[in-house]
Amino acid sequence: MRKQKDLTVDRREVTPEESQAEDHILIRRFLDSGDQRMFQELVERHLPSIRRLLYTLFNGQREEMEDAEQEIVLSLFRGLKDFQFRSSFRTYFYRLARNRGIDCLRRKRSRERTLAGVRLSLWNSEPEGPEQQALRREEIESLLGVFKNLPLKDRQLILMKDVDGFSIEQIAAILGVPAGTVKSRLHRAREKLLASARRGR
């Protein structure tokens, strides 16, 4: 059965001129009913331009792009109730995506600097023997690989606390969760890192 035209949006990328009224309909229906299909339709209409933005920000690095996209969509889901209908949703969503994407890029660069620092500090303290150097090189790559393979939330917690030096209370404010939750999550993240490092030996 063919769906009613006003309930369904073609999967093609829409133009700015035809977008605004249809976007507003989907937003109101989502906010009124909580129907996540309306939210999904809304997001999918604009994903091509958002993905082009992320491709540019992250130089086509797929994993980083996917992490950023998930964070952007979640941020939109949480904050859409505050949309005022005074501007086009297309502009609103793109601005949000750009801001969140830049945040993700900054964290990525911070992580890369941290990993480079870890590598440098370990190499600077290397023993002179070639066999010991080879072993140390193996340990370095194992450590970096373990950290990069942790879930994104765990990497963020470890970076915020152990690298950037945020307090538990500051992290709680950033994430919008109780300090006790931060402590337990951070403890679990560190446990995962240690366990993975031991398994990799």
N, C-alpha and C. Protein backbone atom coordinates (compact mmCIF):
# COMPACT_ATOMS: atom_id res chain seq x y z
N MET A 1 0.86 -1.20 0.00
CA MET A 1 0.00 0.00 0.00
C MET A 1 0.89 1.25 0.00
N ARG A 2 0.54 2.19 -0.80
CA ARG A 2 1.33 3.41 -0.90
C ARG A 2 1.06 4.31 0.30
N LYS A 3 2.11 4.80 0.92
CA LYS A 3 1.95 5.68 2.07
C LYS A 3 1.53 7.08 1.63
N GLN A 4 0.88 7.77 2.57
CA GLN A 4 0.49 9.14 2.27
C GLN A 4 1.72 9.99 2.06
N LYS A 5 1.63 10.91 1.14
CA LYS A 5 2.79 11.71 0.75
C LYS A 5 3.36 12.51 1.91
N ASP A 6 2.46 13.05 2.78
CA ASP A 6 2.97 13.93 3.83
C ASP A 6 3.60 13.16 4.99
N LEU A 7 3.48 11.83 5.00
CA LEU A 7 4.07 11.05 6.08
C LEU A 7 5.41 10.47 5.69
N THR A 8 5.74 10.49 4.43
CA THR A 8 6.95 9.83 3.96
C THR A 8 7.79 10.81 3.16
N VAL A 9 9.09 10.72 3.36
CA VAL A 9 10.01 11.57 2.63
C VAL A 9 10.88 10.69 1.76
N ASP A 10 11.06 11.07 0.51
CA ASP A 10 11.91 10.30 -0.39
C ASP A 10 13.31 10.23 0.19
N ARG A 11 14.02 9.15 -0.14
CA ARG A 11 15.38 8.96 0.34
C ARG A 11 16.38 9.87 -0.37
N ARG A 12 15.96 10.52 -1.47
CA ARG A 12 16.87 11.42 -2.15
C ARG A 12 17.16 12.62 -1.27
N GLU A 13 18.25 13.30 -1.57
CA GLU A 13 18.61 14.51 -0.83
C GLU A 13 17.68 15.64 -1.24
N VAL A 14 17.10 16.30 -0.26
CA VAL A 14 16.12 17.34 -0.56
C VAL A 14 16.83 18.67 -0.77
N THR A 15 16.15 19.58 -1.47
CA THR A 15 16.68 20.92 -1.67
C THR A 15 16.27 21.80 -0.50
N PRO A 16 17.01 22.88 -0.25
CA PRO A 16 16.65 23.78 0.85
C PRO A 16 15.24 24.34 0.72
N GLU A 17 14.81 24.61 -0.52
CA GLU A 17 13.50 25.24 -0.72
C GLU A 17 12.35 24.33 -0.29
N GLU A 18 12.47 23.05 -0.57
CA GLU A 18 11.38 22.13 -0.23
C GLU A 18 11.51 21.52 1.15
N SER A 19 12.63 21.78 1.78
CA SER A 19 12.94 21.08 3.02
C SER A 19 12.21 21.63 4.24
N GLN A 20 12.18 22.95 4.39
CA GLN A 20 11.81 23.54 5.66
C GLN A 20 10.42 23.13 6.15
N ALA A 21 9.41 23.25 5.31
CA ALA A 21 8.04 22.94 5.76
C ALA A 21 7.91 21.47 6.14
N GLU A 22 8.49 20.59 5.34
CA GLU A 22 8.41 19.16 5.63
C GLU A 22 9.17 18.81 6.90
N ASP A 23 10.33 19.46 7.08
CA ASP A 23 11.10 19.26 8.31
C ASP A 23 10.28 19.62 9.53
N HIS A 24 9.64 20.77 9.49
CA HIS A 24 8.87 21.23 10.64
C HIS A 24 7.71 20.28 10.96
N ILE A 25 7.10 19.72 9.92
CA ILE A 25 6.03 18.74 10.14
C ILE A 25 6.57 17.53 10.89
N LEU A 26 7.70 17.02 10.43
CA LEU A 26 8.29 15.84 11.06
C LEU A 26 8.69 16.14 12.50
N ILE A 27 9.26 17.31 12.74
CA ILE A 27 9.68 17.67 14.10
C ILE A 27 8.47 17.72 15.03
N ARG A 28 7.41 18.39 14.60
CA ARG A 28 6.22 18.51 15.46
C ARG A 28 5.61 17.14 15.74
N ARG A 29 5.58 16.29 14.74
CA ARG A 29 5.00 14.97 14.95
C ARG A 29 5.86 14.13 15.90
N PHE A 30 7.15 14.27 15.76
CA PHE A 30 8.04 13.56 16.67
C PHE A 30 7.88 14.06 18.10
N LEU A 31 7.87 15.38 18.28
CA LEU A 31 7.75 15.96 19.62
C LEU A 31 6.39 15.66 20.24
N ASP A 32 5.34 15.63 19.42
CA ASP A 32 3.99 15.37 19.93
C ASP A 32 3.77 13.90 20.28
N SER A 33 4.32 13.02 19.45
CA SER A 33 4.00 11.59 19.61
C SER A 33 5.15 10.76 20.15
N GLY A 34 6.38 11.28 20.02
CA GLY A 34 7.54 10.49 20.41
C GLY A 34 7.85 9.38 19.42
N ASP A 35 7.22 9.39 18.26
CA ASP A 35 7.41 8.36 17.26
C ASP A 35 8.81 8.51 16.65
N GLN A 36 9.68 7.55 16.92
CA GLN A 36 11.06 7.67 16.48
C GLN A 36 11.21 7.52 14.97
N ARG A 37 10.17 7.00 14.30
CA ARG A 37 10.23 6.95 12.84
C ARG A 37 10.26 8.35 12.25
N MET A 38 9.56 9.28 12.90
CA MET A 38 9.58 10.66 12.43
C MET A 38 10.98 11.26 12.58
N PHE A 39 11.62 10.94 13.70
CA PHE A 39 12.98 11.42 13.93
C PHE A 39 13.94 10.82 12.91
N GLN A 40 13.79 9.54 12.64
CA GLN A 40 14.65 8.88 11.67
C GLN A 40 14.48 9.49 10.28
N GLU A 41 13.24 9.74 9.88
CA GLU A 41 12.99 10.37 8.58
C GLU A 41 13.66 11.74 8.52
N LEU A 42 13.52 12.49 9.59
CA LEU A 42 14.09 13.83 9.65
C LEU A 42 15.60 13.79 9.47
N VAL A 43 16.25 12.91 10.20
CA VAL A 43 17.71 12.81 10.14
C VAL A 43 18.17 12.35 8.76
N GLU A 44 17.52 11.34 8.22
CA GLU A 44 17.97 10.76 6.96
C GLU A 44 17.87 11.74 5.79
N ARG A 45 16.97 12.69 5.90
CA ARG A 45 16.84 13.71 4.84
C ARG A 45 18.12 14.54 4.71
N HIS A 46 18.84 14.69 5.80
CA HIS A 46 19.97 15.61 5.81
C HIS A 46 21.33 14.92 5.99
N LEU A 47 21.32 13.60 6.09
CA LEU A 47 22.58 12.89 6.31
C LEU A 47 23.61 13.08 5.19
N PRO A 48 23.21 13.17 3.92
CA PRO A 48 24.24 13.36 2.89
C PRO A 48 25.13 14.58 3.14
N SER A 49 24.52 15.71 3.47
CA SER A 49 25.34 16.92 3.69
C SER A 49 26.14 16.80 4.98
N ILE A 50 25.58 16.15 6.01
CA ILE A 50 26.30 15.97 7.27
C ILE A 50 27.50 15.06 7.06
N ARG A 51 27.31 14.00 6.28
CA ARG A 51 28.41 13.08 6.03
C ARG A 51 29.50 13.72 5.19
N ARG A 52 29.13 14.60 4.28
CA ARG A 52 30.16 15.33 3.53
C ARG A 52 30.97 16.21 4.46
N LEU A 53 30.28 16.85 5.41
CA LEU A 53 30.98 17.68 6.39
C LEU A 53 31.96 16.83 7.20
N LEU A 54 31.51 15.69 7.68
CA LEU A 54 32.37 14.83 8.50
C LEU A 54 33.52 14.27 7.68
N TYR A 55 33.26 13.97 6.42
CA TYR A 55 34.33 13.47 5.54
C TYR A 55 35.45 14.51 5.44
N THR A 56 35.03 15.77 5.34
CA THR A 56 36.02 16.85 5.25
C THR A 56 36.78 17.01 6.56
N LEU A 57 36.06 16.98 7.67
CA LEU A 57 36.70 17.17 8.97
C LEU A 57 37.70 16.07 9.30
N PHE A 58 37.33 14.82 8.98
CA PHE A 58 38.14 13.67 9.39
C PHE A 58 38.92 13.03 8.24
N ASN A 59 39.00 13.74 7.11
CA ASN A 59 39.78 13.26 5.97
C ASN A 59 39.41 11.84 5.57
N GLY A 60 38.12 11.53 5.64
CA GLY A 60 37.65 10.24 5.18
C GLY A 60 37.91 9.07 6.10
N GLN A 61 38.35 9.32 7.34
CA GLN A 61 38.61 8.22 8.29
C GLN A 61 37.28 7.69 8.81
N ARG A 62 36.91 6.52 8.32
CA ARG A 62 35.55 6.01 8.51
C ARG A 62 35.17 5.84 9.98
N GLU A 63 36.05 5.25 10.77
CA GLU A 63 35.70 5.00 12.17
C GLU A 63 35.44 6.30 12.92
N GLU A 64 36.29 7.30 12.68
CA GLU A 64 36.12 8.59 13.34
C GLU A 64 34.83 9.27 12.88
N MET A 65 34.54 9.15 11.59
CA MET A 65 33.31 9.74 11.05
C MET A 65 32.07 9.09 11.67
N GLU A 66 32.11 7.77 11.80
CA GLU A 66 30.95 7.06 12.36
C GLU A 66 30.75 7.42 13.83
N ASP A 67 31.84 7.52 14.59
CA ASP A 67 31.72 7.92 16.00
C ASP A 67 31.12 9.31 16.11
N ALA A 68 31.60 10.24 15.26
CA ALA A 68 31.10 11.61 15.31
C ALA A 68 29.63 11.65 14.91
N GLU A 69 29.26 10.89 13.88
CA GLU A 69 27.87 10.88 13.44
C GLU A 69 26.94 10.40 14.55
N GLN A 70 27.34 9.34 15.25
CA GLN A 70 26.52 8.84 16.35
C GLN A 70 26.35 9.88 17.44
N GLU A 71 27.44 10.57 17.76
CA GLU A 71 27.38 11.60 18.80
C GLU A 71 26.48 12.76 18.36
N ILE A 72 26.56 13.13 17.10
CA ILE A 72 25.74 14.23 16.57
C ILE A 72 24.25 13.87 16.62
N VAL A 73 23.91 12.67 16.17
CA VAL A 73 22.50 12.25 16.14
C VAL A 73 21.95 12.15 17.56
N LEU A 74 22.75 11.63 18.49
CA LEU A 74 22.30 11.55 19.87
C LEU A 74 22.09 12.94 20.46
N SER A 75 22.99 13.86 20.15
CA SER A 75 22.85 15.23 20.63
C SER A 75 21.59 15.87 20.06
N LEU A 76 21.32 15.61 18.80
CA LEU A 76 20.09 16.14 18.19
C LEU A 76 18.86 15.55 18.86
N PHE A 77 18.86 14.26 19.09
CA PHE A 77 17.72 13.59 19.72
C PHE A 77 17.42 14.19 21.09
N ARG A 78 18.47 14.46 21.85
CA ARG A 78 18.29 15.02 23.20
C ARG A 78 17.85 16.48 23.17
N GLY A 79 18.31 17.22 22.15
CA GLY A 79 18.07 18.66 22.16
C GLY A 79 17.00 19.18 21.23
N LEU A 80 16.36 18.28 20.47
CA LEU A 80 15.39 18.75 19.47
C LEU A 80 14.20 19.46 20.09
N LYS A 81 13.89 19.14 21.33
CA LYS A 81 12.77 19.80 22.02
C LYS A 81 12.99 21.30 22.15
N ASP A 82 14.24 21.74 22.06
CA ASP A 82 14.56 23.16 22.20
C ASP A 82 14.54 23.91 20.86
N PHE A 83 14.29 23.20 19.77
CA PHE A 83 14.22 23.85 18.46
C PHE A 83 13.06 24.84 18.44
N GLN A 84 13.30 26.06 18.00
CA GLN A 84 12.33 27.15 18.11
C GLN A 84 11.50 27.39 16.85
N PHE A 85 11.79 26.69 15.76
CA PHE A 85 11.05 26.84 14.50
C PHE A 85 11.21 28.23 13.88
N ARG A 86 12.20 28.99 14.33
CA ARG A 86 12.41 30.32 13.77
C ARG A 86 13.39 30.29 12.58
N SER A 87 14.13 29.22 12.46
CA SER A 87 15.06 29.07 11.34
C SER A 87 14.82 27.72 10.69
N SER A 88 15.50 27.48 9.60
CA SER A 88 15.34 26.18 8.96
C SER A 88 16.04 25.11 9.79
N PHE A 89 15.45 23.94 9.81
CA PHE A 89 16.08 22.83 10.54
C PHE A 89 17.40 22.47 9.88
N ARG A 90 17.48 22.60 8.58
CA ARG A 90 18.71 22.28 7.85
C ARG A 90 19.89 23.07 8.40
N THR A 91 19.68 24.38 8.62
CA THR A 91 20.73 25.22 9.19
C THR A 91 21.04 24.82 10.63
N TYR A 92 19.99 24.58 11.39
CA TYR A 92 20.13 24.19 12.80
C TYR A 92 20.95 22.90 12.92
N PHE A 93 20.59 21.89 12.12
CA PHE A 93 21.25 20.59 12.19
C PHE A 93 22.69 20.69 11.73
N TYR A 94 22.93 21.45 10.68
CA TYR A 94 24.30 21.56 10.16
C TYR A 94 25.19 22.27 11.18
N ARG A 95 24.66 23.31 11.82
CA ARG A 95 25.45 24.03 12.82
C ARG A 95 25.78 23.11 13.99
N LEU A 96 24.79 22.34 14.43
CA LEU A 96 25.02 21.40 15.52
C LEU A 96 26.08 20.37 15.10
N ALA A 97 25.95 19.84 13.87
CA ALA A 97 26.89 18.82 13.39
C ALA A 97 28.30 19.38 13.29
N ARG A 98 28.40 20.61 12.84
CA ARG A 98 29.72 21.22 12.72
C ARG A 98 30.36 21.40 14.09
N ASN A 99 29.60 21.91 15.05
CA ASN A 99 30.14 22.12 16.39
C ASN A 99 30.55 20.81 17.04
N ARG A 100 29.67 19.80 16.95
CA ARG A 100 29.98 18.50 17.56
C ARG A 100 31.13 17.82 16.80
N GLY A 101 31.14 17.97 15.49
CA GLY A 101 32.22 17.39 14.71
C GLY A 101 33.57 17.98 15.07
N ILE A 102 33.61 19.29 15.26
CA ILE A 102 34.86 19.95 15.66
C ILE A 102 35.28 19.48 17.05
N ASP A 103 34.32 19.32 17.94
CA ASP A 103 34.63 18.80 19.27
C ASP A 103 35.27 17.41 19.16
N CYS A 104 34.68 16.57 18.33
CA CYS A 104 35.22 15.21 18.13
C CYS A 104 36.63 15.27 17.54
N LEU A 105 36.83 16.18 16.60
CA LEU A 105 38.14 16.31 15.97
C LEU A 105 39.18 16.77 16.98
N ARG A 106 38.81 17.69 17.86
CA ARG A 106 39.76 18.14 18.88
C ARG A 106 40.14 17.00 19.82
N ARG A 107 39.15 16.19 20.19
CA ARG A 107 39.45 15.04 21.06
C ARG A 107 40.35 14.05 20.34
N LYS A 108 40.09 13.86 19.03
CA LYS A 108 40.93 12.95 18.25
C LYS A 108 42.37 13.45 18.23
N ARG A 109 42.56 14.74 17.99
CA ARG A 109 43.92 15.29 17.95
C ARG A 109 44.59 15.22 19.32
N SER A 110 43.80 15.46 20.38
CA SER A 110 44.34 15.34 21.72
C SER A 110 44.79 13.92 21.99
N ARG A 111 43.98 12.95 21.54
CA ARG A 111 44.33 11.54 21.73
C ARG A 111 45.60 11.20 20.97
N GLU A 112 45.71 11.71 19.75
CA GLU A 112 46.91 11.43 18.95
C GLU A 112 48.15 12.04 19.59
N ARG A 113 48.00 13.26 20.13
CA ARG A 113 49.15 13.88 20.80
C ARG A 113 49.54 13.08 22.03
N THR A 114 48.52 12.59 22.75
CA THR A 114 48.78 11.80 23.95
C THR A 114 49.51 10.52 23.61
N LEU A 115 49.04 9.83 22.58
CA LEU A 115 49.68 8.58 22.18
C LEU A 115 51.10 8.83 21.68
N ALA A 116 51.27 9.94 20.97
CA ALA A 116 52.62 10.29 20.51
C ALA A 116 53.54 10.57 21.70
N GLY A 117 52.97 11.24 22.72
CA GLY A 117 53.75 11.52 23.92
C GLY A 117 54.13 10.26 24.67
N VAL A 118 53.19 9.33 24.74
CA VAL A 118 53.49 8.05 25.39
C VAL A 118 54.60 7.33 24.63
N ARG A 119 54.50 7.32 23.32
CA ARG A 119 55.52 6.65 22.50
C ARG A 119 56.88 7.30 22.71
N LEU A 120 56.90 8.64 22.71
CA LEU A 120 58.16 9.36 22.85
C LEU A 120 58.79 9.11 24.21
N SER A 121 57.98 9.17 25.27
CA SER A 121 58.53 8.97 26.61
C SER A 121 59.08 7.56 26.78
N LEU A 122 58.41 6.59 26.18
CA LEU A 122 58.89 5.22 26.28
C LEU A 122 60.18 5.03 25.48
N TRP A 123 60.22 5.62 24.28
CA TRP A 123 61.43 5.48 23.47
C TRP A 123 62.62 6.19 24.11
N ASN A 124 62.35 7.30 24.77
CA ASN A 124 63.45 8.05 25.39
C ASN A 124 64.11 7.27 26.52
N SER A 125 63.36 6.36 27.13
CA SER A 125 63.90 5.60 28.25
C SER A 125 64.28 4.18 27.84
N GLU A 126 64.45 3.95 26.54
CA GLU A 126 64.76 2.61 26.05
C GLU A 126 66.14 2.15 26.49
N PRO A 127 66.27 0.87 26.78
CA PRO A 127 67.61 0.31 26.99
C PRO A 127 68.37 0.25 25.67
N GLU A 128 69.65 0.05 25.74
CA GLU A 128 70.46 0.15 24.54
C GLU A 128 70.49 -1.14 23.73
N GLY A 129 70.30 -2.29 24.36
CA GLY A 129 70.42 -3.57 23.66
C GLY A 129 69.37 -3.73 22.58
N PRO A 130 69.74 -4.27 21.42
CA PRO A 130 68.78 -4.43 20.32
C PRO A 130 67.62 -5.35 20.68
N GLU A 131 67.87 -6.40 21.44
CA GLU A 131 66.79 -7.30 21.83
C GLU A 131 65.80 -6.59 22.74
N GLN A 132 66.33 -5.79 23.68
CA GLN A 132 65.46 -5.05 24.59
C GLN A 132 64.70 -3.96 23.84
N GLN A 133 65.34 -3.35 22.85
CA GLN A 133 64.65 -2.36 22.04
C GLN A 133 63.48 -2.97 21.28
N ALA A 134 63.68 -4.14 20.73
CA ALA A 134 62.61 -4.82 20.00
C ALA A 134 61.44 -5.15 20.93
N LEU A 135 61.77 -5.61 22.14
CA LEU A 135 60.73 -5.93 23.11
C LEU A 135 59.96 -4.68 23.51
N ARG A 136 60.68 -3.58 23.75
CA ARG A 136 60.03 -2.33 24.12
C ARG A 136 59.13 -1.83 23.00
N ARG A 137 59.58 -1.95 21.76
CA ARG A 137 58.77 -1.54 20.62
C ARG A 137 57.46 -2.33 20.60
N GLU A 138 57.56 -3.61 20.88
CA GLU A 138 56.37 -4.46 20.90
C GLU A 138 55.41 -4.01 22.00
N GLU A 139 55.94 -3.69 23.16
CA GLU A 139 55.10 -3.24 24.28
C GLU A 139 54.41 -1.92 23.95
N ILE A 140 55.12 -1.02 23.30
CA ILE A 140 54.54 0.28 22.93
C ILE A 140 53.36 0.09 21.99
N GLU A 141 53.58 -0.68 20.93
CA GLU A 141 52.51 -0.88 19.96
C GLU A 141 51.32 -1.58 20.58
N SER A 142 51.59 -2.50 21.51
CA SER A 142 50.50 -3.20 22.19
C SER A 142 49.69 -2.23 23.04
N LEU A 143 50.38 -1.36 23.77
CA LEU A 143 49.69 -0.38 24.61
C LEU A 143 48.84 0.57 23.78
N LEU A 144 49.40 1.08 22.71
CA LEU A 144 48.66 2.01 21.86
C LEU A 144 47.46 1.31 21.22
N GLY A 145 47.66 0.08 20.78
CA GLY A 145 46.58 -0.67 20.17
C GLY A 145 45.45 -0.94 21.14
N VAL A 146 45.79 -1.27 22.37
CA VAL A 146 44.77 -1.52 23.40
C VAL A 146 43.95 -0.26 23.65
N PHE A 147 44.62 0.87 23.80
CA PHE A 147 43.91 2.11 24.08
C PHE A 147 42.97 2.49 22.93
N LYS A 148 43.47 2.38 21.70
CA LYS A 148 42.66 2.76 20.54
C LYS A 148 41.46 1.84 20.35
N ASN A 149 41.55 0.61 20.86
CA ASN A 149 40.47 -0.35 20.68
C ASN A 149 39.43 -0.32 21.80
N LEU A 150 39.67 0.50 22.82
CA LEU A 150 38.65 0.65 23.86
C LEU A 150 37.42 1.33 23.28
N PRO A 151 36.24 1.08 23.85
CA PRO A 151 35.05 1.81 23.41
C PRO A 151 35.26 3.32 23.56
N LEU A 152 34.60 4.08 22.70
CA LEU A 152 34.78 5.54 22.68
C LEU A 152 34.54 6.17 24.05
N LYS A 153 33.48 5.74 24.75
CA LYS A 153 33.17 6.33 26.05
C LYS A 153 34.29 6.09 27.05
N ASP A 154 34.90 4.91 27.00
CA ASP A 154 36.00 4.61 27.90
C ASP A 154 37.22 5.45 27.57
N ARG A 155 37.52 5.60 26.26
CA ARG A 155 38.65 6.44 25.86
C ARG A 155 38.45 7.87 26.33
N GLN A 156 37.24 8.38 26.18
CA GLN A 156 36.96 9.76 26.58
C GLN A 156 37.17 9.95 28.08
N LEU A 157 36.68 9.01 28.88
CA LEU A 157 36.83 9.12 30.33
C LEU A 157 38.30 9.12 30.73
N ILE A 158 39.07 8.18 30.19
CA ILE A 158 40.49 8.09 30.54
C ILE A 158 41.23 9.35 30.11
N LEU A 159 40.91 9.85 28.93
CA LEU A 159 41.56 11.07 28.46
C LEU A 159 41.21 12.26 29.34
N MET A 160 39.92 12.39 29.67
CA MET A 160 39.50 13.54 30.49
C MET A 160 40.17 13.52 31.86
N LYS A 161 40.22 12.34 32.48
CA LYS A 161 40.75 12.27 33.85
C LYS A 161 42.26 12.14 33.88
N ASP A 162 42.81 11.20 33.14
CA ASP A 162 44.22 10.85 33.28
C ASP A 162 45.14 11.64 32.37
N VAL A 163 44.59 12.25 31.33
CA VAL A 163 45.43 13.02 30.41
C VAL A 163 45.17 14.51 30.54
N ASP A 164 43.90 14.92 30.41
CA ASP A 164 43.57 16.34 30.46
C ASP A 164 43.43 16.86 31.89
N GLY A 165 43.34 15.96 32.88
CA GLY A 165 43.38 16.38 34.27
C GLY A 165 42.08 16.95 34.82
N PHE A 166 40.94 16.67 34.19
CA PHE A 166 39.67 17.11 34.75
C PHE A 166 39.38 16.37 36.05
N SER A 167 38.76 17.06 36.98
CA SER A 167 38.34 16.42 38.23
C SER A 167 37.09 15.59 37.97
N ILE A 168 36.77 14.71 38.92
CA ILE A 168 35.56 13.90 38.81
C ILE A 168 34.33 14.81 38.69
N GLU A 169 34.31 15.88 39.48
CA GLU A 169 33.17 16.80 39.46
C GLU A 169 33.06 17.52 38.11
N GLN A 170 34.19 17.90 37.54
CA GLN A 170 34.17 18.55 36.23
C GLN A 170 33.68 17.59 35.14
N ILE A 171 34.15 16.36 35.19
CA ILE A 171 33.69 15.37 34.20
C ILE A 171 32.20 15.13 34.35
N ALA A 172 31.73 15.07 35.61
CA ALA A 172 30.30 14.88 35.85
C ALA A 172 29.49 16.02 35.23
N ALA A 173 30.01 17.24 35.35
CA ALA A 173 29.30 18.39 34.77
C ALA A 173 29.32 18.33 33.25
N ILE A 174 30.44 17.92 32.67
CA ILE A 174 30.55 17.82 31.22
C ILE A 174 29.58 16.78 30.67
N LEU A 175 29.52 15.62 31.34
CA LEU A 175 28.68 14.52 30.85
C LEU A 175 27.24 14.62 31.32
N GLY A 176 26.97 15.45 32.32
CA GLY A 176 25.62 15.58 32.84
C GLY A 176 25.16 14.36 33.63
N VAL A 177 26.11 13.75 34.37
CA VAL A 177 25.78 12.57 35.19
C VAL A 177 26.33 12.80 36.60
N PRO A 178 25.86 12.04 37.61
CA PRO A 178 26.39 12.20 38.97
C PRO A 178 27.87 11.83 39.06
N ALA A 179 28.55 12.43 40.03
CA ALA A 179 29.97 12.15 40.21
C ALA A 179 30.22 10.67 40.51
N GLY A 180 29.32 10.05 41.24
CA GLY A 180 29.46 8.63 41.53
C GLY A 180 29.43 7.77 40.28
N THR A 181 28.63 8.18 39.33
CA THR A 181 28.56 7.46 38.05
C THR A 181 29.87 7.58 37.30
N VAL A 182 30.45 8.79 37.32
CA VAL A 182 31.74 9.00 36.67
C VAL A 182 32.80 8.10 37.29
N LYS A 183 32.83 8.04 38.63
CA LYS A 183 33.83 7.22 39.32
C LYS A 183 33.71 5.76 38.92
N SER A 184 32.49 5.24 38.89
CA SER A 184 32.30 3.82 38.57
C SER A 184 32.65 3.55 37.11
N ARG A 185 32.25 4.46 36.21
CA ARG A 185 32.57 4.26 34.80
C ARG A 185 34.07 4.35 34.55
N LEU A 186 34.72 5.29 35.22
CA LEU A 186 36.16 5.44 35.05
C LEU A 186 36.89 4.20 35.58
N HIS A 187 36.43 3.69 36.70
CA HIS A 187 37.04 2.48 37.26
C HIS A 187 36.92 1.32 36.28
N ARG A 188 35.74 1.16 35.69
CA ARG A 188 35.54 0.07 34.74
C ARG A 188 36.39 0.26 33.49
N ALA A 189 36.52 1.53 33.03
CA ALA A 189 37.33 1.81 31.84
C ALA A 189 38.79 1.45 32.09
N ARG A 190 39.30 1.81 33.28
CA ARG A 190 40.69 1.48 33.61
C ARG A 190 40.88 -0.04 33.73
N GLU A 191 39.88 -0.70 34.29
CA GLU A 191 39.95 -2.16 34.40
C GLU A 191 40.02 -2.80 33.01
N LYS A 192 39.22 -2.30 32.10
CA LYS A 192 39.25 -2.83 30.73
C LYS A 192 40.62 -2.63 30.10
N LEU A 193 41.19 -1.43 30.31
CA LEU A 193 42.50 -1.14 29.72
C LEU A 193 43.56 -2.08 30.27
N LEU A 194 43.56 -2.28 31.59
CA LEU A 194 44.55 -3.16 32.20
C LEU A 194 44.35 -4.61 31.76
N ALA A 195 43.10 -5.05 31.75
CA ALA A 195 42.82 -6.43 31.36
C ALA A 195 43.23 -6.69 29.92
N SER A 196 42.93 -5.72 29.03
CA SER A 196 43.29 -5.89 27.62
C SER A 196 44.80 -5.87 27.45
N ALA A 197 45.48 -5.03 28.22
CA ALA A 197 46.93 -4.96 28.13
C ALA A 197 47.56 -6.28 28.59
N ARG A 198 47.00 -6.86 29.65
CA ARG A 198 47.53 -8.14 30.14
C ARG A 198 47.31 -9.25 29.11
N ARG A 199 46.15 -9.26 28.49
CA ARG A 199 45.85 -10.29 27.49
C ARG A 199 46.77 -10.16 26.27
N GLY A 200 47.18 -8.91 26.00
CA GLY A 200 48.00 -8.69 24.83
C GLY A 200 49.47 -9.03 25.03
N ARG A 201 49.84 -9.31 26.27
CA ARG A 201 51.25 -9.62 26.54
C ARG A 201 51.61 -11.02 26.07
